Amino acid sequence: SPLVKTAIAGEDANWGRVVMAVGK
């Protein structure tokens, strides 16, 4: 997921993006 990977690059524990990736 580009959104998960960019969040990690930005040092943001954005669990919403992980939920998105699980759901899709």
PDB file of all heavy atoms in Angstrom:
ATOM      1  N   SER A   1       0.825  -1.204   0.000  1.00  0.00           N
ATOM      2  CA  SER A   1       0.000   0.000   0.000  1.00  0.00           C
ATOM      3  C   SER A   1       0.860   1.256   0.000  1.00  0.00           C
ATOM      4  O   SER A   1       1.605   1.502   0.962  1.00  0.00           O
ATOM      5  CB  SER A   1      -0.911   0.019   1.232  1.00  0.00           C
ATOM      6  OG  SER A   1      -1.480   1.301   1.402  1.00  0.00           O
ATOM      7  N   PRO A   2       0.771   2.096  -1.036  1.00  0.00           N
ATOM      8  CA  PRO A   2       1.531   3.353  -1.020  1.00  0.00           C
ATOM      9  C   PRO A   2       1.161   4.235   0.176  1.00  0.00           C
ATOM     10  O   PRO A   2       2.015   4.950   0.709  1.00  0.00           O
ATOM     11  CB  PRO A   2       1.153   4.018  -2.348  1.00  0.00           C
ATOM     12  CG  PRO A   2       0.701   2.899  -3.228  1.00  0.00           C
ATOM     13  CD  PRO A   2       0.034   1.924  -2.308  1.00  0.00           C
ATOM     14  N   LEU A   3      -0.094   4.176   0.593  1.00  0.00           N
ATOM     15  CA  LEU A   3      -0.515   5.010   1.724  1.00  0.00           C
ATOM     16  C   LEU A   3       0.109   4.538   3.033  1.00  0.00           C
ATOM     17  O   LEU A   3       0.539   5.358   3.851  1.00  0.00           O
ATOM     18  CB  LEU A   3      -2.039   5.016   1.827  1.00  0.00           C
ATOM     19  CG  LEU A   3      -2.770   5.760   0.706  1.00  0.00           C
ATOM     20  CD1 LEU A   3      -4.275   5.625   0.884  1.00  0.00           C
ATOM     21  CD2 LEU A   3      -2.363   7.232   0.670  1.00  0.00           C
ATOM     22  N   VAL A   4       0.170   3.228   3.242  1.00  0.00           N
ATOM     23  CA  VAL A   4       0.836   2.709   4.437  1.00  0.00           C
ATOM     24  C   VAL A   4       2.321   3.046   4.395  1.00  0.00           C
ATOM     25  O   VAL A   4       2.903   3.522   5.377  1.00  0.00           O
ATOM     26  CB  VAL A   4       0.632   1.186   4.558  1.00  0.00           C
ATOM     27  CG1 VAL A   4       1.482   0.619   5.705  1.00  0.00           C
ATOM     28  CG2 VAL A   4      -0.829   0.845   4.776  1.00  0.00           C
ATOM     29  N   LYS A   5       2.937   2.824   3.247  1.00  0.00           N
ATOM     30  CA  LYS A   5       4.382   3.013   3.123  1.00  0.00           C
ATOM     31  C   LYS A   5       4.792   4.484   3.255  1.00  0.00           C
ATOM     32  O   LYS A   5       5.829   4.797   3.840  1.00  0.00           O
ATOM     33  CB  LYS A   5       4.862   2.432   1.785  1.00  0.00           C
ATOM     34  CG  LYS A   5       4.765   0.916   1.739  1.00  0.00           C
ATOM     35  CD  LYS A   5       4.732   0.352   0.334  1.00  0.00           C
ATOM     36  CE  LYS A   5       6.063   0.437  -0.350  1.00  0.00           C
ATOM     37  NZ  LYS A   5       7.028  -0.528   0.192  1.00  0.00           N
ATOM     38  N   THR A   6       3.979   5.400   2.730  1.00  0.00           N
ATOM     39  CA  THR A   6       4.313   6.817   2.880  1.00  0.00           C
ATOM     40  C   THR A   6       4.067   7.291   4.307  1.00  0.00           C
ATOM     41  O   THR A   6       4.784   8.163   4.808  1.00  0.00           O
ATOM     42  CB  THR A   6       3.516   7.683   1.888  1.00  0.00           C
ATOM     43  OG1 THR A   6       2.123   7.349   1.961  1.00  0.00           O
ATOM     44  CG2 THR A   6       4.009   7.472   0.462  1.00  0.00           C
ATOM     45  N   ALA A   7       3.068   6.727   4.976  1.00  0.00           N
ATOM     46  CA  ALA A   7       2.844   7.068   6.381  1.00  0.00           C
ATOM     47  C   ALA A   7       4.050   6.670   7.222  1.00  0.00           C
ATOM     48  O   ALA A   7       4.497   7.431   8.099  1.00  0.00           O
ATOM     49  CB  ALA A   7       1.585   6.386   6.904  1.00  0.00           C
ATOM     50  N   ILE A   8       4.597   5.486   6.945  1.00  0.00           N
ATOM     51  CA  ILE A   8       5.780   5.035   7.683  1.00  0.00           C
ATOM     52  C   ILE A   8       6.976   5.917   7.363  1.00  0.00           C
ATOM     53  O   ILE A   8       7.768   6.261   8.247  1.00  0.00           O
ATOM     54  CB  ILE A   8       6.058   3.558   7.370  1.00  0.00           C
ATOM     55  CG1 ILE A   8       4.941   2.693   7.969  1.00  0.00           C
ATOM     56  CG2 ILE A   8       7.414   3.127   7.913  1.00  0.00           C
ATOM     57  CD1 ILE A   8       5.000   1.233   7.581  1.00  0.00           C
ATOM     58  N   ALA A   9       7.092   6.340   6.101  1.00  0.00           N
ATOM     59  CA  ALA A   9       8.166   7.275   5.741  1.00  0.00           C
ATOM     60  C   ALA A   9       8.037   8.573   6.519  1.00  0.00           C
ATOM     61  O   ALA A   9       9.043   9.193   6.911  1.00  0.00           O
ATOM     62  CB  ALA A   9       8.138   7.553   4.238  1.00  0.00           C
ATOM     63  N   GLY A  10       6.800   8.988   6.761  1.00  0.00           N
ATOM     64  CA  GLY A  10       6.552  10.209   7.529  1.00  0.00           C
ATOM     65  C   GLY A  10       6.518   9.982   9.025  1.00  0.00           C
ATOM     66  O   GLY A  10       6.171  10.894   9.791  1.00  0.00           O
ATOM     67  N   GLU A  11       6.865   8.748   9.449  1.00  0.00           N
ATOM     68  CA  GLU A  11       6.928   8.372  10.872  1.00  0.00           C
ATOM     69  C   GLU A  11       5.589   8.571  11.570  1.00  0.00           C
ATOM     70  O   GLU A  11       5.503   8.986  12.719  1.00  0.00           O
ATOM     71  CB  GLU A  11       8.057   9.136  11.571  1.00  0.00           C
ATOM     72  CG  GLU A  11       9.406   8.851  10.946  1.00  0.00           C
ATOM     73  CD  GLU A  11      10.566   9.615  11.553  1.00  0.00           C
ATOM     74  OE1 GLU A  11      10.310  10.605  12.262  1.00  0.00           O
ATOM     75  OE2 GLU A  11      11.723   9.208  11.329  1.00  0.00           O
ATOM     76  N   ASP A  12       4.527   8.231  10.823  1.00  0.00           N
ATOM     77  CA  ASP A  12       3.163   8.370  11.317  1.00  0.00           C
ATOM     78  C   ASP A  12       2.543   6.983  11.476  1.00  0.00           C
ATOM     79  O   ASP A  12       2.398   6.246  10.505  1.00  0.00           O
ATOM     80  CB  ASP A  12       2.343   9.202  10.311  1.00  0.00           C
ATOM     81  CG  ASP A  12       0.876   9.313  10.691  1.00  0.00           C
ATOM     82  OD1 ASP A  12       0.538   9.037  11.860  1.00  0.00           O
ATOM     83  OD2 ASP A  12       0.071   9.681   9.811  1.00  0.00           O
ATOM     84  N   ALA A  13       2.173   6.631  12.691  1.00  0.00           N
ATOM     85  CA  ALA A  13       1.534   5.334  12.954  1.00  0.00           C
ATOM     86  C   ALA A  13       0.055   5.421  12.574  1.00  0.00           C
ATOM     87  O   ALA A  13      -0.838   5.361  13.421  1.00  0.00           O
ATOM     88  CB  ALA A  13       1.700   4.969  14.420  1.00  0.00           C
ATOM     89  N   ASN A  14      -0.195   5.525  11.296  1.00  0.00           N
ATOM     90  CA  ASN A  14      -1.548   5.766  10.800  1.00  0.00           C
ATOM     91  C   ASN A  14      -2.271   4.430  10.628  1.00  0.00           C
ATOM     92  O   ASN A  14      -2.237   3.807   9.570  1.00  0.00           O
ATOM     93  CB  ASN A  14      -1.479   6.516   9.464  1.00  0.00           C
ATOM     94  CG  ASN A  14      -2.820   7.046   9.018  1.00  0.00           C
ATOM     95  OD1 ASN A  14      -3.849   6.435   9.272  1.00  0.00           O
ATOM     96  ND2 ASN A  14      -2.808   8.186   8.352  1.00  0.00           N
ATOM     97  N   TRP A  15      -2.941   3.982  11.698  1.00  0.00           N
ATOM     98  CA  TRP A  15      -3.597   2.685  11.652  1.00  0.00           C
ATOM     99  C   TRP A  15      -4.792   2.665  10.700  1.00  0.00           C
ATOM    100  O   TRP A  15      -5.184   1.621  10.218  1.00  0.00           O
ATOM    101  CB  TRP A  15      -4.021   2.248  13.050  1.00  0.00           C
ATOM    102  CG  TRP A  15      -5.054   3.141  13.701  1.00  0.00           C
ATOM    103  CD1 TRP A  15      -6.401   3.085  13.543  1.00  0.00           C
ATOM    104  CD2 TRP A  15      -4.802   4.236  14.565  1.00  0.00           C
ATOM    105  NE1 TRP A  15      -7.009   4.073  14.273  1.00  0.00           N
ATOM    106  CE2 TRP A  15      -6.050   4.799  14.929  1.00  0.00           C
ATOM    107  CE3 TRP A  15      -3.649   4.814  15.102  1.00  0.00           C
ATOM    108  CZ2 TRP A  15      -6.189   5.894  15.768  1.00  0.00           C
ATOM    109  CZ3 TRP A  15      -3.766   5.895  15.951  1.00  0.00           C
ATOM    110  CH2 TRP A  15      -5.024   6.429  16.273  1.00  0.00           C
ATOM    111  N   GLY A  16      -5.337   3.827  10.408  1.00  0.00           N
ATOM    112  CA  GLY A  16      -6.447   3.891   9.462  1.00  0.00           C
ATOM    113  C   GLY A  16      -6.045   3.375   8.100  1.00  0.00           C
ATOM    114  O   GLY A  16      -6.845   2.719   7.408  1.00  0.00           O
ATOM    115  N   ARG A  17      -4.822   3.645   7.690  1.00  0.00           N
ATOM    116  CA  ARG A  17      -4.336   3.148   6.403  1.00  0.00           C
ATOM    117  C   ARG A  17      -4.124   1.635   6.434  1.00  0.00           C
ATOM    118  O   ARG A  17      -4.308   0.955   5.419  1.00  0.00           O
ATOM    119  CB  ARG A  17      -3.045   3.874   6.019  1.00  0.00           C
ATOM    120  CG  ARG A  17      -3.282   5.360   5.753  1.00  0.00           C
ATOM    121  CD  ARG A  17      -2.023   6.078   5.309  1.00  0.00           C
ATOM    122  NE  ARG A  17      -2.323   7.476   4.984  1.00  0.00           N
ATOM    123  CZ  ARG A  17      -1.430   8.344   4.532  1.00  0.00           C
ATOM    124  NH1 ARG A  17      -0.163   7.945   4.341  1.00  0.00           N
ATOM    125  NH2 ARG A  17      -1.764   9.582   4.254  1.00  0.00           N
ATOM    126  N   VAL A  18      -3.746   1.122   7.590  1.00  0.00           N
ATOM    127  CA  VAL A  18      -3.607  -0.329   7.728  1.00  0.00           C
ATOM    128  C   VAL A  18      -4.979  -0.995   7.647  1.00  0.00           C
ATOM    129  O   VAL A  18      -5.148  -2.017   6.976  1.00  0.00           O
ATOM    130  CB  VAL A  18      -2.904  -0.680   9.055  1.00  0.00           C
ATOM    131  CG1 VAL A  18      -2.813  -2.195   9.222  1.00  0.00           C
ATOM    132  CG2 VAL A  18      -1.510  -0.056   9.111  1.00  0.00           C
ATOM    133  N   VAL A  19      -5.963  -0.402   8.313  1.00  0.00           N
ATOM    134  CA  VAL A  19      -7.337  -0.924   8.233  1.00  0.00           C
ATOM    135  C   VAL A  19      -7.802  -0.959   6.778  1.00  0.00           C
ATOM    136  O   VAL A  19      -8.409  -1.933   6.314  1.00  0.00           O
ATOM    137  CB  VAL A  19      -8.300  -0.065   9.082  1.00  0.00           C
ATOM    138  CG1 VAL A  19      -9.753  -0.494   8.852  1.00  0.00           C
ATOM    139  CG2 VAL A  19      -7.943  -0.162  10.555  1.00  0.00           C
ATOM    140  N   MET A  20      -7.517   0.112   6.045  1.00  0.00           N
ATOM    141  CA  MET A  20      -7.869   0.175   4.626  1.00  0.00           C
ATOM    142  C   MET A  20      -7.240  -0.985   3.861  1.00  0.00           C
ATOM    143  O   MET A  20      -7.909  -1.675   3.073  1.00  0.00           O
ATOM    144  CB  MET A  20      -7.394   1.508   4.046  1.00  0.00           C
ATOM    145  CG  MET A  20      -7.545   1.655   2.542  1.00  0.00           C
ATOM    146  SD  MET A  20      -6.186   0.916   1.548  1.00  0.00           S
ATOM    147  CE  MET A  20      -4.770   1.843   2.144  1.00  0.00           C
ATOM    148  N   ALA A  21      -5.945  -1.236   4.097  1.00  0.00           N
ATOM    149  CA  ALA A  21      -5.224  -2.277   3.365  1.00  0.00           C
ATOM    150  C   ALA A  21      -5.741  -3.664   3.719  1.00  0.00           C
ATOM    151  O   ALA A  21      -5.806  -4.556   2.862  1.00  0.00           O
ATOM    152  CB  ALA A  21      -3.729  -2.171   3.645  1.00  0.00           C
ATOM    153  N   VAL A  22      -6.114  -3.869   4.977  1.00  0.00           N
ATOM    154  CA  VAL A  22      -6.704  -5.148   5.384  1.00  0.00           C
ATOM    155  C   VAL A  22      -8.044  -5.338   4.677  1.00  0.00           C
ATOM    156  O   VAL A  22      -8.333  -6.397   4.105  1.00  0.00           O
ATOM    157  CB  VAL A  22      -6.894  -5.203   6.919  1.00  0.00           C
ATOM    158  CG1 VAL A  22      -7.711  -6.444   7.307  1.00  0.00           C
ATOM    159  CG2 VAL A  22      -5.549  -5.196   7.629  1.00  0.00           C
ATOM    160  N   GLY A  23      -8.844  -4.314   4.679  1.00  0.00           N
ATOM    161  CA  GLY A  23     -10.184  -4.409   4.102  1.00  0.00           C
ATOM    162  C   GLY A  23     -10.206  -4.642   2.614  1.00  0.00           C
ATOM    163  O   GLY A  23     -11.106  -5.314   2.092  1.00  0.00           O
ATOM    164  N   LYS A  24      -9.223  -4.107   1.898  1.00  0.00           N
ATOM    165  CA  LYS A  24      -9.229  -4.237   0.432  1.00  0.00           C
ATOM    166  C   LYS A  24      -8.601  -5.547  -0.057  1.00  0.00           C
ATOM    167  O   LYS A  24      -8.646  -5.842  -1.252  1.00  0.00           O
ATOM    168  CB  LYS A  24      -8.483  -3.060  -0.209  1.00  0.00           C
ATOM    169  CG  LYS A  24      -6.967  -3.145  -0.092  1.00  0.00           C
ATOM    170  CD  LYS A  24      -6.277  -2.109  -0.964  1.00  0.00           C
ATOM    171  CE  LYS A  24      -4.768  -2.303  -0.937  1.00  0.00           C
ATOM    172  NZ  LYS A  24      -4.061  -1.411  -1.864  1.00  0.00           N
TER     173      LYS A  24
END
